[in-house]
Amino acid sequence: MTTSQGSNSHQIPSNPRQKILSGMRSTGFLHLGNYEGALRNWVKLQEQADLFCMVADYHALTTHFEDPEQISRSSREVARDFVACGIDPARSVIFLQSHVPQHAELCLLLSMITPLGWLERVPTFKEKKADLAADSVPFGLLGYPVLQAADILLYRPFGVPVGKDQAPHLEISREIARRFNRLYGEVFPEFKNIIGDEAVLPGTDMRKMSKSYDNCIYIKDSEDETAAKIMSAYTTPSKIKKTDPGIPEGCAVCQYLRVYSPNWESQWNEDREGLRGCMQSKKECIESINEYYRPIRERRKELDDHTINLMLKEGAEKAAEVASKTLADAKAAMRFA
């Protein structure tokens, strides 16, 4: 087996079509940061490969286990966002993780061969553990990487789309696959990190855009809601008057202009030189964002619950067809067949 540590190629071999596995946790509505950091790239990838697009509701339990009703609601809303943003269920497979039981079974098998030390060294586990009382750390949080490995390996994909900051997290999935292959035979091929080149959007307060920070502009937001959030967004603190020089690199509004306005370079120069005020930038930012997301939001409104549920049912059937073959191969290799 060849090793492909952190490959940043996103060129997919066109013949035969390869599989790509992507996913997002269902912990709430998706925001503009999710779109720019992942969804925009996924839409491109489905032109080159067979995209398996997973709503990771099991993974949502690691932090939201006390509110299963929210996870259930969010799962459908995330799927709605996927389709509204351009994931085509006629070409790509959109499904709920919990609707494909092979995820849980392969996770159990992989957990038997994964050393505890590997899991305890995962940076995200250390970070989240520090926020919890010692006796309240759930096993699911520790075992998250094993379930993630199962998610990926079930589809034996060519690659997994991932942000640059998240790429190291996939290495433990590779290590688990390599260990399985050494113990039982070659079942799981290597997969690549597919690094997109989309912009990373800050939240309205210039921190990372995150639901936990309450600084998000959501894909589903109305134009008025978007406008209200932009009007209160962080700008250069020292820019009191229009003629004061701005620092666009540290201004949330200017960061949004860079992504959504075709005139962002001149807008940044005017801000830096004190030739425009923050109010002008905010108004132009509102116009640019609302214009870009208007067709996405209109598509979203057209997707009723029946359509979403039917799509997820069909997606789970297609995903299970692939996943069951992989699970059978893994069980046969472990002499469970």
Protein backbone atom coordinates (compact mmCIF):
# COMPACT_ATOMS: atom_id res chain seq x y z
CA MET A 1 0.00 0.00 0.00
CA THR A 2 1.29 3.44 -0.85
CA THR A 3 1.04 6.29 1.61
CA SER A 4 -0.47 9.64 0.61
CA GLN A 5 0.07 11.91 3.55
CA GLY A 6 -1.98 15.08 3.19
CA SER A 7 -2.07 15.25 -0.60
CA ASN A 8 -3.49 18.61 -1.64
CA SER A 9 -4.56 17.56 -5.11
CA HIS A 10 -8.21 18.05 -6.01
CA GLN A 11 -7.89 16.69 -9.54
CA ILE A 12 -10.03 13.58 -9.69
CA PRO A 13 -9.24 10.87 -12.26
CA SER A 14 -12.09 11.08 -14.75
CA ASN A 15 -12.12 7.47 -15.97
CA PRO A 16 -13.43 5.50 -14.22
CA ARG A 17 -15.39 7.86 -11.99
CA GLN A 18 -14.08 7.82 -8.44
CA LYS A 19 -16.00 8.11 -5.18
CA ILE A 20 -15.73 11.12 -2.87
CA LEU A 21 -17.04 11.06 0.71
CA SER A 22 -18.01 14.32 2.39
CA GLY A 23 -20.09 15.17 5.43
CA MET A 24 -21.22 17.72 7.98
CA ARG A 25 -22.57 17.37 11.49
CA SER A 26 -26.23 18.22 12.00
CA THR A 27 -25.94 20.62 14.91
CA GLY A 28 -27.93 23.49 13.37
CA PHE A 29 -28.42 25.47 10.19
CA LEU A 30 -25.44 25.82 7.88
CA HIS A 31 -23.80 29.23 7.58
CA LEU A 32 -21.84 31.12 4.94
CA GLY A 33 -18.59 29.78 6.38
CA ASN A 34 -19.80 26.21 5.74
CA TYR A 35 -20.63 27.15 2.17
CA GLU A 36 -17.35 28.86 1.38
CA GLY A 37 -15.22 26.40 3.32
CA ALA A 38 -16.81 23.21 1.98
CA LEU A 39 -20.08 23.22 0.06
CA ARG A 40 -18.88 25.35 -2.83
CA ASN A 41 -16.05 22.87 -3.39
CA TRP A 42 -18.37 19.87 -3.10
CA VAL A 43 -20.58 21.24 -5.85
CA LYS A 44 -17.54 21.35 -8.14
CA LEU A 45 -16.40 17.86 -7.14
CA GLN A 46 -19.69 16.24 -8.09
CA GLU A 47 -18.89 17.16 -11.69
CA GLN A 48 -15.77 14.97 -11.53
CA ALA A 49 -16.70 12.11 -9.21
CA ASP A 50 -19.51 10.20 -7.51
CA LEU A 51 -20.14 12.29 -4.40
CA PHE A 52 -21.47 10.64 -1.24
CA CYS A 53 -22.72 13.51 0.87
CA MET A 54 -23.42 12.52 4.48
CA VAL A 55 -25.40 14.32 7.16
CA ALA A 56 -23.45 13.20 10.23
CA ASP A 57 -26.19 12.91 12.84
CA TYR A 58 -24.36 10.25 14.89
CA HIS A 59 -21.40 12.62 15.17
CA ALA A 60 -23.74 15.38 16.36
CA LEU A 61 -24.52 13.25 19.43
CA THR A 62 -20.99 13.76 20.77
CA THR A 63 -21.88 17.31 21.80
CA HIS A 64 -25.69 17.43 21.53
CA PHE A 65 -26.73 14.07 23.01
CA GLU A 66 -29.11 15.78 25.44
CA ASP A 67 -31.21 17.22 22.60
CA PRO A 68 -31.98 14.48 20.05
CA GLU A 69 -34.98 16.41 18.77
CA GLN A 70 -32.69 19.25 17.70
CA ILE A 71 -30.41 16.80 15.91
CA SER A 72 -33.38 15.31 14.05
CA ARG A 73 -34.61 18.75 12.97
CA SER A 74 -31.14 19.94 12.06
CA SER A 75 -30.48 16.82 9.96
CA ARG A 76 -33.28 17.69 7.56
CA GLU A 77 -32.26 21.34 7.46
CA VAL A 78 -28.65 20.47 6.65
CA ALA A 79 -29.87 18.21 3.83
CA ARG A 80 -32.05 21.08 2.60
CA ASP A 81 -29.03 23.38 2.62
CA PHE A 82 -27.00 20.80 0.66
CA VAL A 83 -29.54 20.72 -2.16
CA ALA A 84 -30.21 24.47 -2.15
CA CYS A 85 -26.49 25.15 -2.51
CA GLY A 86 -26.15 22.91 -5.56
CA ILE A 87 -25.63 19.30 -4.46
CA ASP A 88 -27.76 17.46 -7.02
CA PRO A 89 -29.47 14.32 -5.63
CA ALA A 90 -29.81 13.04 -9.19
CA ARG A 91 -25.99 12.86 -9.42
CA SER A 92 -24.85 12.70 -5.81
CA VAL A 93 -25.92 10.52 -2.89
CA ILE A 94 -27.27 12.53 0.05
CA PHE A 95 -28.03 10.50 3.18
CA LEU A 96 -28.25 10.47 6.95
CA GLN A 97 -25.45 8.61 8.71
CA SER A 98 -27.93 6.93 11.08
CA HIS A 99 -29.95 5.57 8.14
CA VAL A 100 -27.02 3.40 7.03
CA PRO A 101 -26.43 0.84 9.83
CA GLN A 102 -23.12 -0.29 8.34
CA HIS A 103 -21.52 2.86 9.80
CA ALA A 104 -22.18 1.70 13.35
CA GLU A 105 -21.12 -1.91 12.72
CA LEU A 106 -17.84 -1.06 11.03
CA CYS A 107 -17.14 1.46 13.80
CA LEU A 108 -17.50 -1.35 16.34
CA LEU A 109 -15.10 -3.60 14.43
CA LEU A 110 -12.52 -0.84 13.98
CA SER A 111 -12.76 0.12 17.66
CA MET A 112 -11.44 -3.34 18.56
CA ILE A 113 -8.11 -2.67 16.83
CA THR A 114 -7.62 1.04 17.57
CA PRO A 115 -5.16 1.75 20.42
CA LEU A 116 -6.50 4.00 23.15
CA GLY A 117 -3.37 6.16 22.99
CA TRP A 118 -4.12 7.13 19.39
CA LEU A 119 -7.50 8.51 20.40
CA GLU A 120 -6.27 10.35 23.48
CA ARG A 121 -3.68 12.20 21.39
CA VAL A 122 -6.22 13.64 18.94
CA PRO A 123 -6.04 17.46 19.38
CA THR A 124 -9.80 18.01 19.21
CA PHE A 125 -10.38 15.43 21.96
CA LYS A 126 -7.88 17.18 24.22
CA GLU A 127 -9.51 20.55 23.56
CA LYS A 128 -13.08 19.39 24.19
CA LYS A 129 -12.09 17.27 27.18
CA ALA A 130 -10.63 20.35 28.84
CA ASP A 131 -14.06 21.98 28.69
CA LEU A 132 -15.80 19.09 30.45
CA ALA A 133 -15.75 17.69 33.97
CA ALA A 134 -13.57 14.60 34.32
CA ASP A 135 -16.54 12.30 34.94
CA SER A 136 -18.67 13.68 32.08
CA VAL A 137 -16.49 12.97 29.02
CA PRO A 138 -18.59 10.64 26.85
CA PHE A 139 -17.05 7.63 25.15
CA GLY A 140 -18.44 8.93 21.86
CA LEU A 141 -16.17 11.96 22.07
CA LEU A 142 -13.12 9.77 22.56
CA GLY A 143 -14.23 7.34 19.85
CA TYR A 144 -15.19 10.03 17.34
CA PRO A 145 -12.15 9.31 15.10
CA VAL A 146 -13.07 5.62 14.88
CA LEU A 147 -16.56 6.44 13.65
CA GLN A 148 -15.04 8.96 11.25
CA ALA A 149 -12.74 6.25 9.92
CA ALA A 150 -15.73 3.94 9.42
CA ASP A 151 -17.61 6.71 7.61
CA ILE A 152 -14.78 7.16 5.15
CA LEU A 153 -13.62 3.59 4.69
CA LEU A 154 -17.09 2.18 3.99
CA TYR A 155 -17.08 3.94 0.61
CA ARG A 156 -13.42 3.24 -0.21
CA PRO A 157 -13.22 6.73 -1.70
CA PHE A 158 -10.55 8.29 -3.87
CA GLY A 159 -10.55 11.24 -1.50
CA VAL A 160 -12.20 13.28 1.22
CA PRO A 161 -12.72 17.05 0.89
CA VAL A 162 -11.21 18.78 3.90
CA GLY A 163 -10.08 22.23 4.95
CA LYS A 164 -6.36 22.81 5.38
CA ASP A 165 -6.71 23.11 9.15
CA GLN A 166 -8.61 19.83 9.32
CA ALA A 167 -6.32 17.74 7.12
CA PRO A 168 -4.23 16.30 10.01
CA HIS A 169 -7.40 14.89 11.59
CA LEU A 170 -7.79 12.43 8.74
CA GLU A 171 -4.41 10.82 9.36
CA ILE A 172 -5.79 8.70 12.20
CA SER A 173 -8.34 7.27 9.74
CA ARG A 174 -5.46 6.24 7.52
CA GLU A 175 -3.60 4.71 10.46
CA ILE A 176 -6.65 2.67 11.45
CA ALA A 177 -7.03 1.45 7.85
CA ARG A 178 -3.36 0.52 7.65
CA ARG A 179 -3.54 -1.39 10.91
CA PHE A 180 -6.61 -3.30 9.71
CA ASN A 181 -4.89 -4.15 6.43
CA ARG A 182 -1.76 -5.36 8.21
CA LEU A 183 -3.79 -7.57 10.52
CA TYR A 184 -6.37 -9.00 8.14
CA GLY A 185 -5.43 -8.24 4.52
CA GLU A 186 -5.89 -5.42 2.05
CA VAL A 187 -9.50 -4.29 2.35
CA PHE A 188 -9.18 -0.50 2.55
CA PRO A 189 -7.24 1.48 -0.10
CA GLU A 190 -5.52 4.77 0.69
CA PHE A 191 -7.55 7.94 0.24
CA LYS A 192 -6.37 11.47 -0.44
CA ASN A 193 -7.10 14.76 1.27
CA ILE A 194 -8.82 16.96 -1.28
CA ILE A 195 -7.95 20.51 -0.33
CA GLY A 196 -10.21 23.18 -1.79
CA ASP A 197 -9.17 26.77 -2.42
CA GLU A 198 -12.27 28.48 -1.11
CA ALA A 199 -12.09 31.51 1.17
CA VAL A 200 -12.42 31.11 4.93
CA LEU A 201 -15.01 33.56 6.21
CA PRO A 202 -14.81 35.02 9.69
CA GLY A 203 -17.85 35.53 11.84
CA THR A 204 -19.42 38.96 12.21
CA ASP A 205 -17.14 39.55 15.22
CA MET A 206 -13.98 38.48 13.29
CA ARG A 207 -13.65 35.24 15.25
CA LYS A 208 -14.18 31.93 13.48
CA MET A 209 -17.75 31.75 12.16
CA SER A 210 -19.40 29.35 14.59
CA LYS A 211 -22.87 28.67 15.94
CA SER A 212 -21.41 28.53 19.44
CA TYR A 213 -20.17 32.13 19.08
CA ASP A 214 -23.52 33.39 17.76
CA ASN A 215 -21.69 35.24 14.99
CA CYS A 216 -23.07 33.48 11.91
CA ILE A 217 -24.87 34.58 8.78
CA TYR A 218 -26.94 31.55 7.84
CA ILE A 219 -27.70 30.34 4.36
CA LYS A 220 -31.41 30.30 5.28
CA ASP A 221 -31.40 33.89 6.63
CA SER A 222 -33.75 36.38 5.00
CA GLU A 223 -32.32 39.43 3.28
CA ASP A 224 -33.44 41.59 6.20
CA GLU A 225 -31.78 39.26 8.71
CA THR A 226 -28.59 39.32 6.67
CA ALA A 227 -28.68 43.12 6.52
CA ALA A 228 -29.14 43.40 10.28
CA LYS A 229 -26.14 41.16 10.94
CA ILE A 230 -23.91 43.04 8.50
CA MET A 231 -24.91 46.38 10.02
CA SER A 232 -23.67 45.17 13.42
CA ALA A 233 -20.55 43.43 12.08
CA TYR A 234 -17.04 44.24 13.28
CA THR A 235 -15.10 46.96 11.46
CA THR A 236 -11.80 48.76 12.14
CA PRO A 237 -12.18 50.19 15.70
CA SER A 238 -9.92 53.16 14.98
CA LYS A 239 -11.95 54.19 11.91
CA ILE A 240 -14.35 56.67 13.49
CA LYS A 241 -14.76 59.08 10.59
CA LYS A 242 -14.92 58.33 6.90
CA THR A 243 -11.48 59.92 6.39
CA ASP A 244 -9.80 57.71 9.00
CA PRO A 245 -7.71 54.94 7.43
CA GLY A 246 -9.20 51.47 7.72
CA ILE A 247 -7.54 48.08 8.05
CA PRO A 248 -9.56 45.85 5.70
CA GLU A 249 -7.62 42.73 6.68
CA GLY A 250 -9.10 43.03 10.19
CA CYS A 251 -12.60 44.12 9.18
CA ALA A 252 -15.33 41.48 8.89
CA VAL A 253 -17.29 43.53 6.37
CA CYS A 254 -14.24 43.92 4.14
CA GLN A 255 -13.59 40.19 4.37
CA TYR A 256 -17.10 39.54 3.04
CA LEU A 257 -16.58 42.08 0.25
CA ARG A 258 -13.42 40.22 -0.77
CA VAL A 259 -15.49 37.08 -1.39
CA TYR A 260 -18.75 38.47 -2.75
CA SER A 261 -17.98 41.79 -4.42
CA PRO A 262 -16.31 41.98 -7.86
CA ASN A 263 -14.99 45.43 -6.86
CA TRP A 264 -13.42 44.37 -3.59
CA GLU A 265 -9.88 45.51 -4.45
CA SER A 266 -10.93 49.10 -5.10
CA GLN A 267 -13.24 48.98 -2.06
CA TRP A 268 -10.34 47.82 0.11
CA ASN A 269 -8.05 50.53 -1.24
CA GLU A 270 -10.65 53.22 -0.58
CA ASP A 271 -11.14 51.89 2.95
CA ARG A 272 -7.40 51.83 3.60
CA GLU A 273 -6.95 55.38 2.25
CA GLY A 274 -9.89 56.89 4.14
CA LEU A 275 -11.95 57.47 1.00
CA ARG A 276 -15.03 55.55 2.15
CA GLY A 277 -16.93 55.11 5.39
CA CYS A 278 -17.92 51.88 7.10
CA MET A 279 -21.60 52.54 6.34
CA GLN A 280 -20.93 52.59 2.59
CA SER A 281 -19.01 49.32 2.85
CA LYS A 282 -21.79 47.71 4.87
CA LYS A 283 -24.49 48.73 2.39
CA GLU A 284 -22.47 47.41 -0.56
CA CYS A 285 -21.70 44.24 1.37
CA ILE A 286 -25.40 43.65 2.08
CA GLU A 287 -26.24 44.08 -1.60
CA SER A 288 -23.48 41.70 -2.71
CA ILE A 289 -24.29 38.91 -0.25
CA ASN A 290 -28.04 39.06 -0.78
CA GLU A 291 -27.63 39.06 -4.54
CA TYR A 292 -25.36 36.01 -4.41
CA TYR A 293 -27.55 33.97 -2.06
CA ARG A 294 -30.94 35.00 -3.49
CA PRO A 295 -31.24 32.02 -5.90
CA ILE A 296 -29.95 29.62 -3.23
CA ARG A 297 -32.51 30.87 -0.73
CA GLU A 298 -35.29 30.69 -3.29
CA ARG A 299 -34.40 27.05 -4.06
CA ARG A 300 -34.35 26.32 -0.36
CA LYS A 301 -37.91 27.58 0.10
CA GLU A 302 -39.12 25.25 -2.64
CA LEU A 303 -37.85 22.12 -0.87
CA ASP A 304 -40.69 20.77 1.27
CA ASP A 305 -40.32 18.12 3.99
CA HIS A 306 -41.75 15.32 1.85
CA THR A 307 -39.18 15.98 -0.88
CA ILE A 308 -36.32 16.00 1.63
CA ASN A 309 -37.45 12.81 3.39
CA LEU A 310 -37.88 10.96 0.10
CA MET A 311 -34.45 12.09 -1.07
CA LEU A 312 -32.85 10.91 2.18
CA LYS A 313 -34.59 7.53 1.95
CA GLU A 314 -33.34 6.99 -1.60
CA GLY A 315 -29.89 8.26 -0.65
CA ALA A 316 -29.64 5.84 2.28
CA GLU A 317 -30.53 2.92 -0.01
CA LYS A 318 -27.80 3.88 -2.49
CA ALA A 319 -25.25 4.43 0.28
CA ALA A 320 -26.11 1.13 1.96
CA GLU A 321 -25.61 -0.73 -1.31
CA VAL A 322 -21.96 0.40 -1.38
CA ALA A 323 -21.41 0.23 2.38
CA SER A 324 -22.77 -3.32 2.72
CA LYS A 325 -20.25 -4.64 0.19
CA THR A 326 -17.34 -3.03 2.08
CA LEU A 327 -18.61 -4.29 5.43
CA ALA A 328 -18.96 -7.82 4.03
CA ASP A 329 -15.36 -7.70 2.80
CA ALA A 330 -14.13 -6.43 6.17
CA LYS A 331 -16.03 -9.13 8.08
CA ALA A 332 -14.77 -11.82 5.73
CA ALA A 333 -11.21 -10.64 6.28
CA MET A 334 -11.81 -10.90 10.05
CA ARG A 335 -13.28 -14.40 9.58
CA PHE A 336 -16.80 -13.34 10.55
CA ALA A 337 -18.30 -14.32 7.21
